[in-house]
N, C-alpha and C. Protein backbone atom coordinates (compact mmCIF):
# COMPACT_ATOMS: atom_id res chain seq x y z
N UNK A 1 -31.11 -112.92 187.78
CA UNK A 1 -32.42 -112.80 187.38
C UNK A 1 -33.14 -111.68 188.20
N UNK A 2 -33.91 -110.94 187.52
CA UNK A 2 -34.69 -109.87 188.16
C UNK A 2 -35.96 -110.44 188.76
N UNK A 3 -36.47 -109.86 189.65
CA UNK A 3 -37.80 -110.26 190.30
C UNK A 3 -38.70 -109.14 190.06
N UNK A 4 -39.97 -109.47 189.68
CA UNK A 4 -41.08 -108.51 189.48
C UNK A 4 -41.50 -107.92 190.78
N UNK A 5 -41.62 -106.67 190.97
CA UNK A 5 -42.16 -105.99 192.13
C UNK A 5 -43.58 -106.28 192.29
N UNK A 6 -43.96 -106.70 193.48
CA UNK A 6 -45.33 -106.86 193.79
C UNK A 6 -45.89 -105.64 194.39
N UNK A 7 -47.04 -105.15 193.73
CA UNK A 7 -47.77 -104.01 194.20
C UNK A 7 -48.82 -104.47 195.29
N UNK A 8 -48.50 -104.15 196.56
CA UNK A 8 -49.36 -104.56 197.60
C UNK A 8 -50.70 -103.88 197.55
N UNK A 9 -50.73 -102.75 196.93
CA UNK A 9 -52.00 -101.93 196.81
C UNK A 9 -52.91 -102.80 195.84
N UNK A 10 -52.37 -103.32 194.71
CA UNK A 10 -53.21 -104.05 193.89
C UNK A 10 -53.59 -105.32 194.45
N UNK A 11 -52.78 -105.99 195.18
CA UNK A 11 -53.21 -107.24 195.88
C UNK A 11 -54.41 -106.95 196.93
N UNK A 12 -54.19 -105.88 197.60
CA UNK A 12 -55.26 -105.44 198.60
C UNK A 12 -56.59 -105.16 197.91
N UNK A 13 -56.54 -104.56 196.74
CA UNK A 13 -57.68 -104.16 195.97
C UNK A 13 -58.34 -105.44 195.43
N UNK A 14 -57.67 -106.37 194.94
CA UNK A 14 -58.09 -107.60 194.43
C UNK A 14 -58.77 -108.45 195.53
N UNK A 15 -58.18 -108.47 196.79
CA UNK A 15 -58.83 -109.08 197.84
C UNK A 15 -60.08 -108.49 198.23
N UNK A 16 -60.11 -107.13 198.22
CA UNK A 16 -61.29 -106.40 198.57
C UNK A 16 -62.45 -106.72 197.54
N UNK A 17 -62.03 -106.79 196.18
CA UNK A 17 -63.04 -107.04 195.20
C UNK A 17 -63.66 -108.38 195.33
N UNK A 18 -62.78 -109.38 195.38
CA UNK A 18 -63.24 -110.60 195.39
C UNK A 18 -64.14 -110.99 196.63
N UNK A 19 -63.76 -110.41 197.79
CA UNK A 19 -64.52 -110.63 198.91
C UNK A 19 -65.92 -109.87 198.83
N UNK A 20 -65.95 -108.73 198.15
CA UNK A 20 -67.12 -108.06 197.98
C UNK A 20 -68.20 -108.93 197.11
N UNK A 21 -67.60 -109.68 196.21
CA UNK A 21 -68.39 -110.64 195.25
C UNK A 21 -68.94 -111.68 196.15
N UNK A 22 -68.11 -112.34 197.00
CA UNK A 22 -68.62 -113.33 197.84
C UNK A 22 -69.64 -112.93 198.77
N UNK A 23 -69.54 -111.69 199.40
CA UNK A 23 -70.57 -111.11 200.23
C UNK A 23 -71.86 -110.89 199.51
N UNK A 24 -71.60 -110.44 198.39
CA UNK A 24 -72.77 -110.10 197.55
C UNK A 24 -73.66 -111.42 197.16
N UNK A 25 -72.92 -112.49 196.86
CA UNK A 25 -73.55 -113.69 196.52
C UNK A 25 -74.17 -114.34 197.82
N UNK A 26 -73.46 -114.23 198.91
CA UNK A 26 -73.93 -114.80 200.25
C UNK A 26 -75.16 -113.99 200.81
N UNK A 27 -75.18 -112.66 200.56
CA UNK A 27 -76.18 -111.90 201.17
C UNK A 27 -77.33 -111.52 200.16
N UNK A 28 -76.96 -111.26 199.07
CA UNK A 28 -77.94 -110.81 198.05
C UNK A 28 -78.28 -111.79 196.84
N UNK A 29 -77.71 -113.04 197.02
CA UNK A 29 -77.98 -114.01 196.00
C UNK A 29 -77.20 -113.95 194.65
N UNK A 30 -76.35 -112.86 194.39
CA UNK A 30 -75.75 -112.62 193.33
C UNK A 30 -76.41 -112.18 192.10
N UNK A 31 -77.63 -111.70 192.26
CA UNK A 31 -78.43 -111.17 191.22
C UNK A 31 -77.78 -109.95 190.44
N UNK A 32 -77.46 -109.04 191.16
CA UNK A 32 -76.65 -107.87 190.54
C UNK A 32 -75.39 -108.35 189.81
N UNK A 33 -74.67 -109.20 190.37
CA UNK A 33 -73.48 -109.76 189.81
C UNK A 33 -73.66 -110.50 188.61
N UNK A 34 -74.79 -111.28 188.49
CA UNK A 34 -75.06 -112.05 187.31
C UNK A 34 -75.66 -111.09 186.16
N UNK A 35 -76.51 -110.18 186.62
CA UNK A 35 -77.03 -109.10 185.56
C UNK A 35 -75.81 -108.34 184.90
N UNK A 36 -74.81 -108.04 185.71
CA UNK A 36 -73.62 -107.20 185.15
C UNK A 36 -72.96 -108.18 184.27
N UNK A 37 -72.72 -109.40 184.63
CA UNK A 37 -72.08 -110.30 183.86
C UNK A 37 -72.69 -110.47 182.42
N UNK A 38 -74.01 -110.63 182.50
CA UNK A 38 -74.70 -110.81 181.28
C UNK A 38 -74.69 -109.53 180.33
N UNK A 39 -74.56 -108.27 180.97
CA UNK A 39 -74.50 -107.08 180.25
C UNK A 39 -73.13 -107.05 179.51
N UNK A 40 -72.05 -107.50 180.27
CA UNK A 40 -70.71 -107.51 179.68
C UNK A 40 -70.70 -108.52 178.53
N UNK A 41 -71.36 -109.56 178.70
CA UNK A 41 -71.35 -110.66 177.61
C UNK A 41 -72.13 -110.04 176.44
N UNK A 42 -72.95 -109.12 176.57
CA UNK A 42 -73.57 -108.58 175.37
C UNK A 42 -72.79 -107.27 174.80
N UNK A 43 -71.60 -107.21 175.40
CA UNK A 43 -70.67 -106.18 174.74
C UNK A 43 -70.54 -104.85 175.52
N UNK A 44 -71.32 -104.72 176.56
CA UNK A 44 -71.25 -103.40 177.34
C UNK A 44 -69.94 -103.31 178.16
N UNK A 45 -69.22 -102.19 177.97
CA UNK A 45 -67.95 -102.06 178.58
C UNK A 45 -67.72 -100.84 179.45
N UNK A 46 -68.65 -100.04 179.49
CA UNK A 46 -68.59 -98.92 180.42
C UNK A 46 -69.41 -99.11 181.62
N UNK A 47 -69.00 -98.66 182.81
CA UNK A 47 -69.83 -98.68 184.00
C UNK A 47 -71.26 -98.10 183.83
N UNK A 48 -71.36 -97.11 183.06
CA UNK A 48 -72.64 -96.45 183.02
C UNK A 48 -73.63 -97.28 182.01
N UNK A 49 -73.02 -97.83 180.99
CA UNK A 49 -73.80 -98.69 179.99
C UNK A 49 -74.23 -99.88 180.77
N UNK A 50 -73.35 -100.55 181.51
CA UNK A 50 -73.66 -101.67 182.22
C UNK A 50 -74.65 -101.52 183.17
N UNK A 51 -74.59 -100.40 184.00
CA UNK A 51 -75.55 -99.93 184.98
C UNK A 51 -77.00 -99.81 184.38
N UNK A 52 -76.96 -99.18 183.26
CA UNK A 52 -78.30 -98.95 182.56
C UNK A 52 -78.93 -100.24 181.99
N UNK A 53 -78.10 -101.13 181.59
CA UNK A 53 -78.45 -102.54 181.10
C UNK A 53 -78.97 -103.39 182.31
N UNK A 54 -78.32 -103.18 183.51
CA UNK A 54 -78.77 -103.90 184.61
C UNK A 54 -80.11 -103.28 185.14
N UNK A 55 -80.26 -101.97 185.21
CA UNK A 55 -81.45 -101.33 185.57
C UNK A 55 -82.56 -101.85 184.76
N UNK A 56 -82.40 -101.85 183.45
CA UNK A 56 -83.39 -102.49 182.52
C UNK A 56 -83.68 -103.94 182.93
N UNK A 57 -82.61 -104.65 183.23
CA UNK A 57 -82.80 -106.16 183.41
C UNK A 57 -83.43 -106.50 184.73
N UNK A 58 -82.90 -105.87 185.79
CA UNK A 58 -83.40 -106.35 187.19
C UNK A 58 -84.10 -105.30 187.97
N UNK A 59 -84.09 -104.04 187.39
CA UNK A 59 -84.72 -102.91 188.17
C UNK A 59 -83.84 -102.24 189.16
N UNK A 60 -84.29 -101.00 189.42
CA UNK A 60 -83.41 -100.22 190.25
C UNK A 60 -83.29 -100.60 191.66
N UNK A 61 -84.37 -101.18 192.18
CA UNK A 61 -84.28 -101.70 193.68
C UNK A 61 -83.22 -102.90 193.89
N UNK A 62 -83.24 -103.82 192.99
CA UNK A 62 -82.34 -104.94 193.16
C UNK A 62 -80.87 -104.47 192.71
N UNK A 63 -80.80 -103.51 191.75
CA UNK A 63 -79.46 -103.10 191.38
C UNK A 63 -78.77 -102.29 192.52
N UNK A 64 -79.50 -101.51 193.21
CA UNK A 64 -78.86 -100.63 194.18
C UNK A 64 -79.08 -101.14 195.69
N UNK A 65 -79.63 -102.42 195.90
CA UNK A 65 -79.83 -102.96 197.14
C UNK A 65 -78.55 -103.26 197.90
N UNK A 66 -78.54 -102.88 199.12
CA UNK A 66 -77.38 -103.20 199.98
C UNK A 66 -77.91 -104.18 201.14
N UNK A 67 -76.91 -104.55 201.87
CA UNK A 67 -77.30 -105.50 203.05
C UNK A 67 -76.45 -104.94 204.25
N UNK A 68 -77.18 -104.66 205.26
CA UNK A 68 -76.61 -104.22 206.59
C UNK A 68 -76.36 -105.47 207.39
N UNK A 69 -75.06 -105.79 207.71
CA UNK A 69 -74.86 -107.07 208.46
C UNK A 69 -75.20 -106.84 210.04
N UNK A 70 -75.77 -107.92 210.62
CA UNK A 70 -76.08 -107.81 212.07
C UNK A 70 -74.75 -107.59 212.78
N UNK A 71 -74.95 -107.01 213.97
CA UNK A 71 -73.73 -106.64 214.77
C UNK A 71 -72.83 -107.88 215.03
N UNK A 72 -73.44 -109.08 215.24
CA UNK A 72 -72.57 -110.15 215.66
C UNK A 72 -72.18 -110.89 214.33
N UNK A 73 -72.39 -110.38 213.15
CA UNK A 73 -71.98 -111.11 211.91
C UNK A 73 -70.46 -110.87 211.79
N UNK A 74 -69.75 -111.99 211.37
CA UNK A 74 -68.26 -111.85 210.99
C UNK A 74 -68.28 -111.29 209.50
N UNK A 75 -69.33 -111.35 208.83
CA UNK A 75 -69.27 -111.02 207.43
C UNK A 75 -69.72 -109.42 207.34
N UNK A 76 -69.03 -108.57 206.87
CA UNK A 76 -69.47 -107.15 206.67
C UNK A 76 -70.80 -107.04 205.72
N UNK A 77 -71.27 -105.92 205.82
CA UNK A 77 -72.47 -105.69 204.80
C UNK A 77 -72.04 -105.44 203.40
N UNK A 78 -73.00 -105.34 202.51
CA UNK A 78 -72.68 -105.15 200.99
C UNK A 78 -73.02 -103.74 200.65
N UNK A 79 -72.15 -103.12 199.93
CA UNK A 79 -72.45 -101.75 199.55
C UNK A 79 -73.69 -101.59 198.67
N UNK A 80 -74.43 -100.59 198.90
CA UNK A 80 -75.70 -100.54 198.11
C UNK A 80 -75.60 -99.84 196.76
N UNK A 81 -74.58 -99.14 196.47
CA UNK A 81 -74.36 -98.44 195.19
C UNK A 81 -74.12 -99.44 193.99
N UNK A 82 -74.93 -99.50 193.15
CA UNK A 82 -74.86 -100.46 192.00
C UNK A 82 -73.69 -100.06 191.08
N UNK A 83 -73.60 -98.75 190.92
CA UNK A 83 -72.51 -98.20 189.96
C UNK A 83 -71.13 -98.55 190.51
N UNK A 84 -70.93 -98.37 191.78
CA UNK A 84 -69.47 -98.67 192.37
C UNK A 84 -69.33 -100.16 192.29
N UNK A 85 -70.34 -100.96 192.50
CA UNK A 85 -70.17 -102.55 192.45
C UNK A 85 -69.77 -102.77 190.95
N UNK A 86 -70.47 -102.17 190.00
CA UNK A 86 -70.18 -102.50 188.54
C UNK A 86 -68.74 -102.13 188.25
N UNK A 87 -68.34 -100.98 188.66
CA UNK A 87 -66.90 -100.64 188.43
C UNK A 87 -65.95 -101.56 188.98
N UNK A 88 -66.25 -102.24 190.22
CA UNK A 88 -65.47 -103.32 190.74
C UNK A 88 -65.45 -104.56 189.85
N UNK A 89 -66.61 -104.93 189.37
CA UNK A 89 -66.80 -106.00 188.41
C UNK A 89 -65.85 -105.91 187.18
N UNK A 90 -65.93 -104.53 186.61
CA UNK A 90 -65.06 -104.34 185.45
C UNK A 90 -63.51 -104.60 185.74
N UNK A 91 -63.25 -104.15 186.90
CA UNK A 91 -61.66 -104.40 187.36
C UNK A 91 -61.53 -105.92 187.45
N UNK A 92 -62.45 -106.73 187.96
CA UNK A 92 -62.27 -108.16 188.11
C UNK A 92 -62.21 -108.73 186.63
N UNK A 93 -62.96 -108.23 185.82
CA UNK A 93 -63.00 -108.69 184.41
C UNK A 93 -61.61 -108.48 183.73
N UNK A 94 -61.06 -107.35 184.05
CA UNK A 94 -59.79 -107.03 183.39
C UNK A 94 -58.63 -107.91 184.06
N UNK A 95 -58.86 -108.34 185.23
CA UNK A 95 -57.84 -109.14 185.94
C UNK A 95 -57.91 -110.56 185.56
N UNK A 96 -59.17 -111.17 185.56
CA UNK A 96 -59.41 -112.52 185.36
C UNK A 96 -59.85 -112.87 183.93
N UNK A 97 -60.41 -111.88 183.13
CA UNK A 97 -60.80 -112.22 181.77
C UNK A 97 -62.28 -112.55 181.85
N UNK A 98 -62.78 -113.40 180.81
CA UNK A 98 -64.24 -113.70 180.75
C UNK A 98 -64.73 -114.67 181.84
N UNK A 99 -63.74 -115.32 182.44
CA UNK A 99 -64.25 -116.26 183.59
C UNK A 99 -64.17 -115.51 184.97
N UNK A 100 -64.30 -114.25 184.96
CA UNK A 100 -64.13 -113.35 186.13
C UNK A 100 -65.17 -113.74 187.22
N UNK A 101 -66.39 -114.12 186.84
CA UNK A 101 -67.28 -114.44 187.91
C UNK A 101 -66.82 -115.67 188.86
N UNK A 102 -66.54 -116.78 188.04
CA UNK A 102 -66.19 -117.95 188.67
C UNK A 102 -64.75 -117.79 189.53
N UNK A 103 -63.85 -116.98 188.87
CA UNK A 103 -62.56 -116.73 189.44
C UNK A 103 -62.70 -115.94 190.64
N UNK A 104 -63.49 -115.04 190.73
CA UNK A 104 -63.79 -114.12 191.81
C UNK A 104 -64.45 -114.85 192.96
N UNK A 105 -65.21 -115.86 192.62
CA UNK A 105 -65.97 -116.67 193.60
C UNK A 105 -64.92 -117.54 194.34
N UNK A 106 -63.94 -117.94 193.77
CA UNK A 106 -63.01 -119.09 194.29
C UNK A 106 -62.29 -118.38 195.57
N UNK A 107 -61.74 -117.26 195.65
CA UNK A 107 -61.21 -116.75 196.92
C UNK A 107 -62.10 -116.81 198.04
N UNK A 108 -63.38 -116.33 197.67
CA UNK A 108 -64.42 -116.24 198.69
C UNK A 108 -64.65 -117.56 199.36
N UNK A 109 -64.68 -118.66 198.48
CA UNK A 109 -65.04 -120.00 198.95
C UNK A 109 -63.85 -120.51 199.85
N UNK A 110 -62.44 -120.25 199.47
CA UNK A 110 -61.45 -120.55 200.22
C UNK A 110 -61.14 -119.74 201.42
N UNK A 111 -61.93 -118.61 201.61
CA UNK A 111 -61.63 -117.82 202.74
C UNK A 111 -62.44 -118.23 203.97
N UNK A 112 -62.24 -117.55 205.12
CA UNK A 112 -62.94 -117.73 206.36
C UNK A 112 -64.44 -117.48 206.31
N UNK A 113 -64.79 -116.83 205.35
CA UNK A 113 -66.20 -116.35 205.29
C UNK A 113 -67.06 -117.40 204.77
N UNK A 114 -66.67 -118.55 204.15
CA UNK A 114 -67.46 -119.52 203.69
C UNK A 114 -67.38 -120.77 204.51
N UNK A 115 -68.63 -121.44 204.85
CA UNK A 115 -68.51 -122.64 205.59
C UNK A 115 -67.59 -123.70 204.76
N UNK A 116 -67.03 -124.54 205.49
CA UNK A 116 -66.10 -125.51 204.82
C UNK A 116 -66.72 -126.79 204.47
N UNK A 117 -67.97 -127.06 204.82
CA UNK A 117 -68.58 -128.35 204.50
C UNK A 117 -69.23 -128.18 203.21
N UNK A 118 -69.43 -129.34 202.53
CA UNK A 118 -70.10 -129.34 201.27
C UNK A 118 -71.60 -128.90 201.39
N UNK A 119 -72.21 -128.33 200.46
CA UNK A 119 -71.79 -127.98 199.24
C UNK A 119 -71.05 -126.66 199.24
N UNK A 120 -71.03 -125.92 200.32
CA UNK A 120 -70.58 -124.46 200.48
C UNK A 120 -69.14 -124.49 200.05
N UNK A 121 -68.45 -125.50 200.23
CA UNK A 121 -66.88 -125.48 199.84
C UNK A 121 -66.73 -125.52 198.34
N UNK A 122 -67.84 -125.73 197.64
CA UNK A 122 -67.65 -125.92 196.19
C UNK A 122 -67.94 -124.66 195.44
N UNK A 123 -67.01 -124.01 194.65
CA UNK A 123 -67.25 -122.76 193.81
C UNK A 123 -68.43 -122.90 192.90
N UNK A 124 -68.56 -124.10 192.38
CA UNK A 124 -69.70 -124.28 191.35
C UNK A 124 -70.97 -124.16 192.06
N UNK A 125 -71.14 -124.59 193.28
CA UNK A 125 -72.39 -124.40 193.93
C UNK A 125 -72.84 -122.92 194.04
N UNK A 126 -71.93 -122.06 194.35
CA UNK A 126 -72.18 -120.60 194.59
C UNK A 126 -72.54 -119.93 193.19
N UNK A 127 -71.71 -120.40 192.19
CA UNK A 127 -72.02 -119.87 190.89
C UNK A 127 -73.36 -120.33 190.39
N UNK A 128 -73.71 -121.58 190.48
CA UNK A 128 -75.07 -121.92 190.01
C UNK A 128 -76.09 -121.27 190.91
N UNK A 129 -75.83 -121.11 192.24
CA UNK A 129 -76.95 -120.52 193.10
C UNK A 129 -77.11 -119.08 192.51
N UNK A 130 -76.04 -118.50 192.21
CA UNK A 130 -76.21 -117.02 191.68
C UNK A 130 -76.95 -116.90 190.51
N UNK A 131 -76.70 -117.95 189.58
CA UNK A 131 -77.29 -117.90 188.23
C UNK A 131 -78.82 -118.32 188.46
N UNK A 132 -79.08 -119.19 189.41
CA UNK A 132 -80.51 -119.63 189.70
C UNK A 132 -81.27 -118.44 190.34
N UNK A 133 -80.65 -117.59 191.21
CA UNK A 133 -81.25 -116.42 191.84
C UNK A 133 -81.63 -115.49 190.79
N UNK A 134 -80.72 -115.19 189.85
CA UNK A 134 -80.91 -114.34 188.65
C UNK A 134 -82.07 -114.76 187.80
N UNK A 135 -82.08 -116.11 187.49
CA UNK A 135 -83.25 -116.59 186.70
C UNK A 135 -84.47 -116.60 187.27
N UNK A 136 -84.59 -116.75 188.70
CA UNK A 136 -85.73 -116.77 189.40
C UNK A 136 -86.34 -115.28 189.33
N UNK A 137 -85.43 -114.35 189.51
CA UNK A 137 -85.89 -112.92 189.35
C UNK A 137 -86.47 -112.64 187.95
N UNK A 138 -85.86 -113.13 186.91
CA UNK A 138 -86.29 -112.87 185.58
C UNK A 138 -87.53 -113.46 185.46
N UNK A 139 -87.62 -114.79 185.92
CA UNK A 139 -88.81 -115.59 185.71
C UNK A 139 -90.08 -114.94 186.41
N UNK A 140 -89.90 -114.34 187.72
CA UNK A 140 -91.05 -113.80 188.31
C UNK A 140 -91.42 -112.39 187.71
N UNK A 141 -90.52 -111.78 186.98
CA UNK A 141 -90.78 -110.58 186.25
C UNK A 141 -91.57 -110.77 185.03
N UNK A 142 -91.64 -111.93 184.55
CA UNK A 142 -92.37 -112.18 183.29
C UNK A 142 -93.81 -112.24 183.35
N UNK A 143 -94.53 -111.88 182.44
CA UNK A 143 -96.00 -111.90 182.29
C UNK A 143 -96.28 -113.36 182.56
N UNK A 144 -97.40 -113.55 183.41
CA UNK A 144 -97.72 -115.04 183.68
C UNK A 144 -97.98 -115.85 182.51
N UNK A 145 -98.39 -115.30 181.44
CA UNK A 145 -98.70 -116.02 180.22
C UNK A 145 -97.31 -116.45 179.48
N UNK A 146 -96.23 -115.65 179.76
CA UNK A 146 -95.04 -116.00 179.14
C UNK A 146 -94.12 -116.93 180.09
N UNK A 147 -94.54 -117.31 181.23
CA UNK A 147 -93.70 -118.01 182.23
C UNK A 147 -93.70 -119.49 181.87
N UNK A 148 -92.48 -119.99 181.67
CA UNK A 148 -92.32 -121.36 181.51
C UNK A 148 -90.85 -121.61 181.82
N UNK A 149 -90.57 -122.74 182.51
CA UNK A 149 -89.19 -123.21 182.69
C UNK A 149 -88.62 -123.72 181.37
N UNK A 150 -87.48 -123.26 181.13
CA UNK A 150 -86.74 -123.90 180.00
C UNK A 150 -85.99 -125.00 180.34
N UNK A 151 -85.41 -125.81 179.25
CA UNK A 151 -84.64 -126.99 179.56
C UNK A 151 -83.37 -126.51 180.41
N UNK A 152 -82.84 -125.31 180.07
CA UNK A 152 -81.58 -124.84 180.71
C UNK A 152 -81.96 -124.56 182.22
N UNK A 153 -83.15 -124.15 182.55
CA UNK A 153 -83.60 -123.85 184.01
C UNK A 153 -83.57 -125.11 184.67
N UNK A 154 -84.26 -126.14 184.18
CA UNK A 154 -84.38 -127.33 184.73
C UNK A 154 -83.01 -128.05 184.96
N UNK A 155 -82.17 -128.07 184.04
CA UNK A 155 -80.73 -128.51 184.11
C UNK A 155 -80.06 -127.83 185.19
N UNK A 156 -80.17 -126.59 185.35
CA UNK A 156 -79.48 -125.68 186.52
C UNK A 156 -79.99 -126.17 187.77
N UNK A 157 -81.30 -126.26 188.03
CA UNK A 157 -81.86 -126.83 189.21
C UNK A 157 -81.33 -128.11 189.61
N UNK A 158 -81.28 -128.99 188.62
CA UNK A 158 -80.92 -130.36 188.85
C UNK A 158 -79.38 -130.48 189.24
N UNK A 159 -78.62 -129.66 188.56
CA UNK A 159 -77.20 -129.49 188.87
C UNK A 159 -76.95 -128.94 190.26
N UNK A 160 -77.83 -127.99 190.72
CA UNK A 160 -77.70 -127.48 192.02
C UNK A 160 -78.03 -128.51 193.00
N UNK A 161 -79.16 -129.26 192.73
CA UNK A 161 -79.38 -130.29 193.72
C UNK A 161 -78.36 -131.33 193.89
N UNK A 162 -77.71 -131.72 192.76
CA UNK A 162 -76.61 -132.69 192.82
C UNK A 162 -75.39 -132.15 193.73
N UNK A 163 -75.11 -130.87 193.47
CA UNK A 163 -74.15 -130.25 194.32
C UNK A 163 -74.42 -130.24 195.74
N UNK A 164 -75.66 -129.91 196.13
CA UNK A 164 -76.07 -129.87 197.46
C UNK A 164 -76.27 -131.19 198.17
N UNK A 165 -76.38 -132.26 197.36
CA UNK A 165 -76.68 -133.67 197.98
C UNK A 165 -75.40 -134.21 198.68
């Protein structure tokens, strides 16, 4: 029987991408990540089209925001270029398929960068936190007359509370 050759460069790239997703969720709330995911769900497949959809969705500042880690932080900063991050998200989608966000969160949760106690050890907590951060930004951008929590928003908040309990 022959064995399949493992490409270490591909493994290193996958590790780099999934840790970048975790750092983004941990430092930036996952807003850019969730916006890109929504753009892909709407059928956008090129980095430029996803970038433009995200820019319209969450604005240039959030799309291109970075995080500089404090000197004593074990977690590196987050790259500030939205287009580079989106290209990485597309790579993750090619690797993991439609469940790329939750699949990319799992290695972060299992890594040293994530606290081991509940709820932080639960990937669902991070996924729902990112979704809630994204919805909060969308909610705050609405005209005050249009603001109202949907049943889905209330359900998400309640699920997050249960995970955090």
